[in-house]
């Protein structure tokens, strides 16, 4: 940055009229005026300091203030709660009530009012940076499917993806390492969607790139014939995979 400032000062010095271009005092005066006008390139340094890709700590907090998103968020408590199933699924419910001397469900909880309030979490810089990018995009999204897919790919690659279910609803799916951020984004209403369209669920897959879908870039699995081995490891979305 210092080199840029020096080069800029010298550029303006060289713009002096011919009879003054070699005058030391004239050059010094011009250099002083240019330095004051540019404020030592402070505006450029400030702009660079709040680049979301390189900002850290308090810098990200200030960006969050501009975007309206604090790094302290409330998230759901992850626990296994007692639940009841219908008679047809008898014996498959591992979170139901058991007998006094049973060794099952010793770490299962009753869902309480305190659990419904969630827990307060402070996002680290990497998590906060990603969600700020998503928040920034949500603020300026035009809501089209193509733009949403392009934005998600730019921010997450294939770690978080969206599927249009063609019934005024969207489904999101993600890799396990991004499931927490995806859930926070859903809770904070950051996941982009067209107006009037609902997000039905977030599905978790180890590798979303092997889901059956249509994509002109050939990054997703398509359908093949019965005898083909291509796409044989692809999966259909299922509500059993929802987070």
C-alpha atoms as a PDB file:
ATOM      1  CA  UNK A   1       0.000   0.000   0.000  1.00  0.00           C
ATOM      2  CA  UNK A   2       2.885   2.363   0.780  1.00  0.00           C
ATOM      3  CA  UNK A   3       4.313   1.705  -2.671  1.00  0.00           C
ATOM      4  CA  UNK A   4       0.953   2.544  -4.271  1.00  0.00           C
ATOM      5  CA  UNK A   5       0.859   5.844  -2.398  1.00  0.00           C
ATOM      6  CA  UNK A   6       4.406   6.738  -3.426  1.00  0.00           C
ATOM      7  CA  UNK A   7       3.700   5.903  -7.063  1.00  0.00           C
ATOM      8  CA  UNK A   8       0.549   8.025  -7.000  1.00  0.00           C
ATOM      9  CA  UNK A   9       2.407  11.000  -5.500  1.00  0.00           C
ATOM     10  CA  UNK A  10       5.148  10.736  -8.111  1.00  0.00           C
ATOM     11  CA  UNK A  11       2.510  10.521 -10.863  1.00  0.00           C
ATOM     12  CA  UNK A  12       1.019  13.869  -9.848  1.00  0.00           C
ATOM     13  CA  UNK A  13       4.444  15.464  -9.406  1.00  0.00           C
ATOM     14  CA  UNK A  14       5.220  14.584 -13.006  1.00  0.00           C
ATOM     15  CA  UNK A  15       2.100  16.455 -14.135  1.00  0.00           C
ATOM     16  CA  UNK A  16       3.654  19.798 -13.153  1.00  0.00           C
ATOM     17  CA  UNK A  17       4.197  22.350 -15.903  1.00  0.00           C
ATOM     18  CA  UNK A  18       7.473  21.935 -17.742  1.00  0.00           C
ATOM     19  CA  UNK A  19       9.119  24.954 -16.107  1.00  0.00           C
ATOM     20  CA  UNK A  20       8.354  23.577 -12.594  1.00  0.00           C
ATOM     21  CA  UNK A  21       8.750  19.860 -13.095  1.00  0.00           C
ATOM     22  CA  UNK A  22      12.329  19.851 -11.782  1.00  0.00           C
ATOM     23  CA  UNK A  23      11.717  22.412  -9.043  1.00  0.00           C
ATOM     24  CA  UNK A  24      12.201  20.690  -5.691  1.00  0.00           C
ATOM     25  CA  UNK A  25       9.854  23.002  -3.786  1.00  0.00           C
ATOM     26  CA  UNK A  26       7.104  22.700  -6.385  1.00  0.00           C
ATOM     27  CA  UNK A  27       7.402  18.926  -6.374  1.00  0.00           C
ATOM     28  CA  UNK A  28       7.411  18.817  -2.563  1.00  0.00           C
ATOM     29  CA  UNK A  29       4.326  21.061  -2.384  1.00  0.00           C
ATOM     30  CA  UNK A  30       2.499  18.911  -4.926  1.00  0.00           C
ATOM     31  CA  UNK A  31       3.449  15.768  -3.019  1.00  0.00           C
ATOM     32  CA  UNK A  32       2.133  17.248   0.238  1.00  0.00           C
ATOM     33  CA  UNK A  33      -1.172  18.273  -1.347  1.00  0.00           C
ATOM     34  CA  UNK A  34      -1.641  14.871  -2.968  1.00  0.00           C
ATOM     35  CA  UNK A  35      -0.842  13.068   0.307  1.00  0.00           C
ATOM     36  CA  UNK A  36      -3.462  15.115   2.151  1.00  0.00           C
ATOM     37  CA  UNK A  37      -6.046  14.636  -0.593  1.00  0.00           C
ATOM     38  CA  UNK A  38      -5.563  10.874  -0.605  1.00  0.00           C
ATOM     39  CA  UNK A  39      -5.411  10.677   3.227  1.00  0.00           C
ATOM     40  CA  UNK A  40      -2.498   8.258   2.889  1.00  0.00           C
ATOM     41  CA  UNK A  41      -4.872   5.994   0.892  1.00  0.00           C
ATOM     42  CA  UNK A  42      -6.836   5.401   4.098  1.00  0.00           C
ATOM     43  CA  UNK A  43     -10.200   5.040   2.274  1.00  0.00           C
ATOM     44  CA  UNK A  44      -8.746   2.216   0.176  1.00  0.00           C
ATOM     45  CA  UNK A  45      -7.304   0.520   3.267  1.00  0.00           C
ATOM     46  CA  UNK A  46     -10.648   0.796   5.068  1.00  0.00           C
ATOM     47  CA  UNK A  47     -12.428  -0.719   2.095  1.00  0.00           C
ATOM     48  CA  UNK A  48      -9.953  -3.616   2.017  1.00  0.00           C
ATOM     49  CA  UNK A  49     -10.275  -4.119   5.787  1.00  0.00           C
ATOM     50  CA  UNK A  50     -13.967  -4.951   5.397  1.00  0.00           C
ATOM     51  CA  UNK A  51     -13.668  -7.473   2.610  1.00  0.00           C
ATOM     52  CA  UNK A  52     -15.784 -10.358   3.918  1.00  0.00           C
ATOM     53  CA  UNK A  53     -13.314 -12.887   2.492  1.00  0.00           C
ATOM     54  CA  UNK A  54     -10.363 -11.518   4.491  1.00  0.00           C
ATOM     55  CA  UNK A  55     -11.975  -9.697   7.439  1.00  0.00           C
ATOM     56  CA  UNK A  56     -11.670 -11.240  10.905  1.00  0.00           C
ATOM     57  CA  UNK A  57     -13.034 -10.656  14.395  1.00  0.00           C
ATOM     58  CA  UNK A  58     -14.424  -7.139  14.938  1.00  0.00           C
ATOM     59  CA  UNK A  59     -14.229  -6.433  11.192  1.00  0.00           C
ATOM     60  CA  UNK A  60     -16.724  -9.229  10.524  1.00  0.00           C
ATOM     61  CA  UNK A  61     -18.884  -7.974  13.403  1.00  0.00           C
ATOM     62  CA  UNK A  62     -19.148  -4.557  11.733  1.00  0.00           C
ATOM     63  CA  UNK A  63     -20.077  -6.194   8.406  1.00  0.00           C
ATOM     64  CA  UNK A  64     -22.711  -8.135  10.342  1.00  0.00           C
ATOM     65  CA  UNK A  65     -24.134  -4.862  11.696  1.00  0.00           C
ATOM     66  CA  UNK A  66     -24.486  -3.514   8.166  1.00  0.00           C
ATOM     67  CA  UNK A  67     -26.168  -6.728   6.992  1.00  0.00           C
ATOM     68  CA  UNK A  68     -28.335  -7.104  10.094  1.00  0.00           C
ATOM     69  CA  UNK A  69     -26.961 -10.406  11.381  1.00  0.00           C
ATOM     70  CA  UNK A  70     -25.143 -10.942  14.685  1.00  0.00           C
ATOM     71  CA  UNK A  71     -22.676 -13.774  15.218  1.00  0.00           C
ATOM     72  CA  UNK A  72     -24.486 -14.800  18.421  1.00  0.00           C
ATOM     73  CA  UNK A  73     -27.418 -17.020  17.403  1.00  0.00           C
ATOM     74  CA  UNK A  74     -29.879 -19.340  19.091  1.00  0.00           C
ATOM     75  CA  UNK A  75     -29.731 -22.929  17.868  1.00  0.00           C
ATOM     76  CA  UNK A  76     -31.779 -26.010  18.668  1.00  0.00           C
ATOM     77  CA  UNK A  77     -30.444 -28.337  21.363  1.00  0.00           C
ATOM     78  CA  UNK A  78     -29.314 -31.597  19.769  1.00  0.00           C
ATOM     79  CA  UNK A  79     -30.612 -34.421  21.943  1.00  0.00           C
ATOM     80  CA  UNK A  80     -32.462 -37.697  21.594  1.00  0.00           C
ATOM     81  CA  UNK A  81     -35.956 -37.241  23.016  1.00  0.00           C
ATOM     82  CA  UNK A  82     -38.516 -39.790  24.095  1.00  0.00           C
ATOM     83  CA  UNK A  83     -41.098 -40.463  21.398  1.00  0.00           C
ATOM     84  CA  UNK A  84     -44.019 -42.788  20.741  1.00  0.00           C
ATOM     85  CA  UNK A  85     -44.717 -44.724  17.573  1.00  0.00           C
ATOM     86  CA  UNK A  86     -47.871 -46.361  16.300  1.00  0.00           C
ATOM     87  CA  UNK A  87     -48.692 -50.016  16.759  1.00  0.00           C
ATOM     88  CA  UNK A  88     -47.537 -51.059  13.291  1.00  0.00           C
ATOM     89  CA  UNK A  89     -43.969 -50.005  14.169  1.00  0.00           C
ATOM     90  CA  UNK A  90     -43.931 -51.685  17.552  1.00  0.00           C
ATOM     91  CA  UNK A  91     -40.463 -52.722  18.627  1.00  0.00           C
ATOM     92  CA  UNK A  92     -38.615 -50.336  16.299  1.00  0.00           C
ATOM     93  CA  UNK A  93     -38.846 -47.269  18.540  1.00  0.00           C
ATOM     94  CA  UNK A  94     -35.511 -47.014  20.359  1.00  0.00           C
ATOM     95  CA  UNK A  95     -36.489 -43.767  22.085  1.00  0.00           C
ATOM     96  CA  UNK A  96     -39.623 -45.017  23.823  1.00  0.00           C
ATOM     97  CA  UNK A  97     -40.091 -45.753  27.528  1.00  0.00           C
ATOM     98  CA  UNK A  98     -38.527 -48.922  28.925  1.00  0.00           C
ATOM     99  CA  UNK A  99     -38.533 -50.856  32.196  1.00  0.00           C
ATOM    100  CA  UNK A 100     -36.647 -49.857  35.326  1.00  0.00           C
ATOM    101  CA  UNK A 101     -33.796 -52.338  34.868  1.00  0.00           C
ATOM    102  CA  UNK A 102     -33.413 -51.810  31.111  1.00  0.00           C
ATOM    103  CA  UNK A 103     -30.085 -50.642  29.689  1.00  0.00           C
ATOM    104  CA  UNK A 104     -31.764 -48.864  26.769  1.00  0.00           C
ATOM    105  CA  UNK A 105     -32.500 -45.137  26.426  1.00  0.00           C
ATOM    106  CA  UNK A 106     -30.358 -44.077  29.378  1.00  0.00           C
ATOM    107  CA  UNK A 107     -29.386 -40.862  27.585  1.00  0.00           C
ATOM    108  CA  UNK A 108     -32.843 -40.025  26.228  1.00  0.00           C
ATOM    109  CA  UNK A 109     -34.576 -36.828  27.389  1.00  0.00           C
ATOM    110  CA  UNK A 110     -38.095 -35.509  27.793  1.00  0.00           C
ATOM    111  CA  UNK A 111     -38.657 -32.453  25.612  1.00  0.00           C
ATOM    112  CA  UNK A 112     -39.054 -29.469  27.931  1.00  0.00           C
ATOM    113  CA  UNK A 113     -39.742 -25.759  27.752  1.00  0.00           C
ATOM    114  CA  UNK A 114     -36.025 -25.068  28.257  1.00  0.00           C
ATOM    115  CA  UNK A 115     -35.223 -27.264  25.249  1.00  0.00           C
ATOM    116  CA  UNK A 116     -37.692 -25.306  23.130  1.00  0.00           C
ATOM    117  CA  UNK A 117     -35.739 -22.101  23.842  1.00  0.00           C
ATOM    118  CA  UNK A 118     -32.597 -23.571  22.283  1.00  0.00           C
ATOM    119  CA  UNK A 119     -29.055 -22.704  23.199  1.00  0.00           C
ATOM    120  CA  UNK A 120     -27.039 -19.560  22.531  1.00  0.00           C
ATOM    121  CA  UNK A 121     -24.100 -20.144  20.174  1.00  0.00           C
ATOM    122  CA  UNK A 122     -21.323 -17.787  19.098  1.00  0.00           C
ATOM    123  CA  UNK A 123     -20.241 -18.435  15.522  1.00  0.00           C
ATOM    124  CA  UNK A 124     -16.525 -18.560  14.787  1.00  0.00           C
ATOM    125  CA  UNK A 125     -15.087 -16.413  12.006  1.00  0.00           C
ATOM    126  CA  UNK A 126     -15.295 -19.099   9.321  1.00  0.00           C
ATOM    127  CA  UNK A 127     -18.935 -19.937  10.099  1.00  0.00           C
ATOM    128  CA  UNK A 128     -19.878 -16.267  10.445  1.00  0.00           C
ATOM    129  CA  UNK A 129     -18.188 -15.365   7.149  1.00  0.00           C
ATOM    130  CA  UNK A 130     -20.136 -18.017   5.237  1.00  0.00           C
ATOM    131  CA  UNK A 131     -23.483 -16.980   6.705  1.00  0.00           C
ATOM    132  CA  UNK A 132     -22.736 -13.302   6.064  1.00  0.00           C
ATOM    133  CA  UNK A 133     -22.185 -14.132   2.406  1.00  0.00           C
ATOM    134  CA  UNK A 134     -25.490 -15.969   2.342  1.00  0.00           C
ATOM    135  CA  UNK A 135     -27.241 -13.093   4.105  1.00  0.00           C
ATOM    136  CA  UNK A 136     -25.738 -10.615   1.640  1.00  0.00           C
ATOM    137  CA  UNK A 137     -26.976 -12.697  -1.272  1.00  0.00           C
ATOM    138  CA  UNK A 138     -30.460 -13.058   0.280  1.00  0.00           C
ATOM    139  CA  UNK A 139     -30.680  -9.252   0.552  1.00  0.00           C
ATOM    140  CA  UNK A 140     -30.225  -8.845  -3.211  1.00  0.00           C
ATOM    141  CA  UNK A 141     -31.628 -12.079  -4.627  1.00  0.00           C
ATOM    142  CA  UNK A 142     -34.093 -11.965  -7.497  1.00  0.00           C
ATOM    143  CA  UNK A 143     -35.489 -15.337  -6.414  1.00  0.00           C
ATOM    144  CA  UNK A 144     -34.996 -17.251  -9.649  1.00  0.00           C
ATOM    145  CA  UNK A 145     -34.024 -20.908  -9.460  1.00  0.00           C
ATOM    146  CA  UNK A 146     -30.978 -20.445 -11.683  1.00  0.00           C
ATOM    147  CA  UNK A 147     -29.627 -17.534  -9.670  1.00  0.00           C
ATOM    148  CA  UNK A 148     -30.175 -19.354  -6.365  1.00  0.00           C
ATOM    149  CA  UNK A 149     -28.303 -22.408  -7.633  1.00  0.00           C
ATOM    150  CA  UNK A 150     -25.459 -20.258  -8.963  1.00  0.00           C
ATOM    151  CA  UNK A 151     -25.173 -18.377  -5.653  1.00  0.00           C
ATOM    152  CA  UNK A 152     -25.223 -21.546  -3.561  1.00  0.00           C
ATOM    153  CA  UNK A 153     -22.520 -23.082  -5.725  1.00  0.00           C
ATOM    154  CA  UNK A 154     -20.389 -19.920  -5.444  1.00  0.00           C
ATOM    155  CA  UNK A 155     -20.655 -19.960  -1.632  1.00  0.00           C
ATOM    156  CA  UNK A 156     -20.809 -23.681  -0.793  1.00  0.00           C
ATOM    157  CA  UNK A 157     -19.765 -25.601  -3.872  1.00  0.00           C
ATOM    158  CA  UNK A 158     -21.697 -28.899  -3.780  1.00  0.00           C
ATOM    159  CA  UNK A 159     -21.988 -28.863   0.017  1.00  0.00           C
ATOM    160  CA  UNK A 160     -25.398 -27.165   0.055  1.00  0.00           C
ATOM    161  CA  UNK A 161     -27.783 -27.513  -2.873  1.00  0.00           C
ATOM    162  CA  UNK A 162     -31.406 -26.767  -3.663  1.00  0.00           C
ATOM    163  CA  UNK A 163     -34.049 -28.818  -5.455  1.00  0.00           C
ATOM    164  CA  UNK A 164     -37.222 -27.282  -6.864  1.00  0.00           C
ATOM    165  CA  UNK A 165     -40.036 -29.755  -6.172  1.00  0.00           C
ATOM    166  CA  UNK A 166     -42.299 -28.014  -8.720  1.00  0.00           C
ATOM    167  CA  UNK A 167     -45.158 -27.706  -6.221  1.00  0.00           C
ATOM    168  CA  UNK A 168     -44.375 -24.270  -4.758  1.00  0.00           C
ATOM    169  CA  UNK A 169     -41.826 -25.808  -2.421  1.00  0.00           C
ATOM    170  CA  UNK A 170     -38.057 -26.258  -2.263  1.00  0.00           C
ATOM    171  CA  UNK A 171     -35.923 -28.899  -0.607  1.00  0.00           C
ATOM    172  CA  UNK A 172     -32.344 -28.234   0.457  1.00  0.00           C
ATOM    173  CA  UNK A 173     -29.720 -30.891   0.969  1.00  0.00           C
ATOM    174  CA  UNK A 174     -26.206 -30.711   2.341  1.00  0.00           C
ATOM    175  CA  UNK A 175     -23.165 -32.638   3.455  1.00  0.00           C
ATOM    176  CA  UNK A 176     -22.935 -33.518   7.182  1.00  0.00           C
ATOM    177  CA  UNK A 177     -20.230 -30.928   7.891  1.00  0.00           C
ATOM    178  CA  UNK A 178     -22.541 -28.176   6.661  1.00  0.00           C
ATOM    179  CA  UNK A 179     -25.751 -29.395   8.297  1.00  0.00           C
ATOM    180  CA  UNK A 180     -25.325 -27.098  11.304  1.00  0.00           C
ATOM    181  CA  UNK A 181     -24.847 -24.002   9.154  1.00  0.00           C
ATOM    182  CA  UNK A 182     -27.734 -25.038   6.916  1.00  0.00           C
ATOM    183  CA  UNK A 183     -30.022 -25.369   9.926  1.00  0.00           C
ATOM    184  CA  UNK A 184     -28.938 -21.963  11.283  1.00  0.00           C
ATOM    185  CA  UNK A 185     -29.523 -20.429   7.852  1.00  0.00           C
ATOM    186  CA  UNK A 186     -33.012 -21.975   7.786  1.00  0.00           C
ATOM    187  CA  UNK A 187     -33.807 -20.723  11.311  1.00  0.00           C
ATOM    188  CA  UNK A 188     -32.587 -17.225  10.417  1.00  0.00           C
ATOM    189  CA  UNK A 189     -34.498 -17.349   7.096  1.00  0.00           C
ATOM    190  CA  UNK A 190     -31.299 -16.921   5.079  1.00  0.00           C
ATOM    191  CA  UNK A 191     -31.863 -19.827   2.693  1.00  0.00           C
ATOM    192  CA  UNK A 192     -32.974 -18.159  -0.532  1.00  0.00           C
ATOM    193  CA  UNK A 193     -36.328 -18.963  -2.078  1.00  0.00           C
ATOM    194  CA  UNK A 194     -38.785 -17.276  -4.440  1.00  0.00           C
ATOM    195  CA  UNK A 195     -41.602 -15.299  -2.830  1.00  0.00           C
ATOM    196  CA  UNK A 196     -44.524 -17.497  -1.798  1.00  0.00           C
ATOM    197  CA  UNK A 197     -42.480 -20.711  -1.972  1.00  0.00           C
ATOM    198  CA  UNK A 198     -41.896 -22.877   1.103  1.00  0.00           C
ATOM    199  CA  UNK A 199     -38.769 -24.767   2.164  1.00  0.00           C
ATOM    200  CA  UNK A 200     -40.040 -28.186   3.217  1.00  0.00           C
ATOM    201  CA  UNK A 201     -36.893 -29.696   4.710  1.00  0.00           C
ATOM    202  CA  UNK A 202     -33.110 -29.960   4.725  1.00  0.00           C
ATOM    203  CA  UNK A 203     -31.818 -33.361   3.697  1.00  0.00           C
ATOM    204  CA  UNK A 204     -28.399 -34.627   4.705  1.00  0.00           C
ATOM    205  CA  UNK A 205     -26.195 -36.706   2.402  1.00  0.00           C
ATOM    206  CA  UNK A 206     -22.552 -37.685   2.639  1.00  0.00           C
ATOM    207  CA  UNK A 207     -22.095 -36.685  -0.990  1.00  0.00           C
ATOM    208  CA  UNK A 208     -24.878 -34.564  -2.550  1.00  0.00           C
ATOM    209  CA  UNK A 209     -23.200 -34.813  -5.927  1.00  0.00           C
ATOM    210  CA  UNK A 210     -24.491 -38.409  -6.325  1.00  0.00           C
ATOM    211  CA  UNK A 211     -28.166 -37.459  -6.062  1.00  0.00           C
ATOM    212  CA  UNK A 212     -30.273 -38.117  -9.132  1.00  0.00           C
ATOM    213  CA  UNK A 213     -30.983 -34.874 -10.928  1.00  0.00           C
ATOM    214  CA  UNK A 214     -30.715 -33.081 -14.249  1.00  0.00           C
ATOM    215  CA  UNK A 215     -27.838 -30.676 -14.740  1.00  0.00           C
ATOM    216  CA  UNK A 216     -26.409 -29.413 -18.041  1.00  0.00           C
ATOM    217  CA  UNK A 217     -22.935 -29.245 -16.517  1.00  0.00           C
ATOM    218  CA  UNK A 218     -23.037 -33.007 -15.792  1.00  0.00           C
ATOM    219  CA  UNK A 219     -22.113 -32.475 -12.143  1.00  0.00           C
ATOM    220  CA  UNK A 220     -25.150 -34.459 -10.934  1.00  0.00           C
ATOM    221  CA  UNK A 221     -26.311 -37.983 -11.664  1.00  0.00           C
ATOM    222  CA  UNK A 222     -28.919 -38.453 -14.357  1.00  0.00           C
ATOM    223  CA  UNK A 223     -31.037 -41.459 -15.247  1.00  0.00           C
ATOM    224  CA  UNK A 224     -29.678 -44.284 -17.397  1.00  0.00           C
ATOM    225  CA  UNK A 225     -31.015 -47.515 -18.847  1.00  0.00           C
ATOM    226  CA  UNK A 226     -31.511 -50.743 -16.902  1.00  0.00           C
ATOM    227  CA  UNK A 227     -28.235 -52.363 -17.941  1.00  0.00           C
ATOM    228  CA  UNK A 228     -26.040 -49.313 -17.468  1.00  0.00           C
ATOM    229  CA  UNK A 229     -23.632 -49.108 -14.539  1.00  0.00           C
ATOM    230  CA  UNK A 230     -23.521 -45.326 -14.771  1.00  0.00           C
ATOM    231  CA  UNK A 231     -25.466 -43.696 -11.975  1.00  0.00           C
ATOM    232  CA  UNK A 232     -25.931 -47.013 -10.156  1.00  0.00           C
ATOM    233  CA  UNK A 233     -24.887 -45.397  -6.865  1.00  0.00           C
ATOM    234  CA  UNK A 234     -27.213 -42.411  -7.193  1.00  0.00           C
ATOM    235  CA  UNK A 235     -30.027 -41.787  -4.728  1.00  0.00           C
ATOM    236  CA  UNK A 236     -33.494 -40.273  -4.716  1.00  0.00           C
ATOM    237  CA  UNK A 237     -34.318 -37.669  -2.085  1.00  0.00           C
ATOM    238  CA  UNK A 238     -36.230 -39.156   0.838  1.00  0.00           C
ATOM    239  CA  UNK A 239     -37.810 -37.599   3.912  1.00  0.00           C
ATOM    240  CA  UNK A 240     -35.930 -40.194   5.952  1.00  0.00           C
ATOM    241  CA  UNK A 241     -32.805 -38.216   5.118  1.00  0.00           C
ATOM    242  CA  UNK A 242     -34.173 -34.945   6.510  1.00  0.00           C
ATOM    243  CA  UNK A 243     -32.227 -33.345   9.343  1.00  0.00           C
END
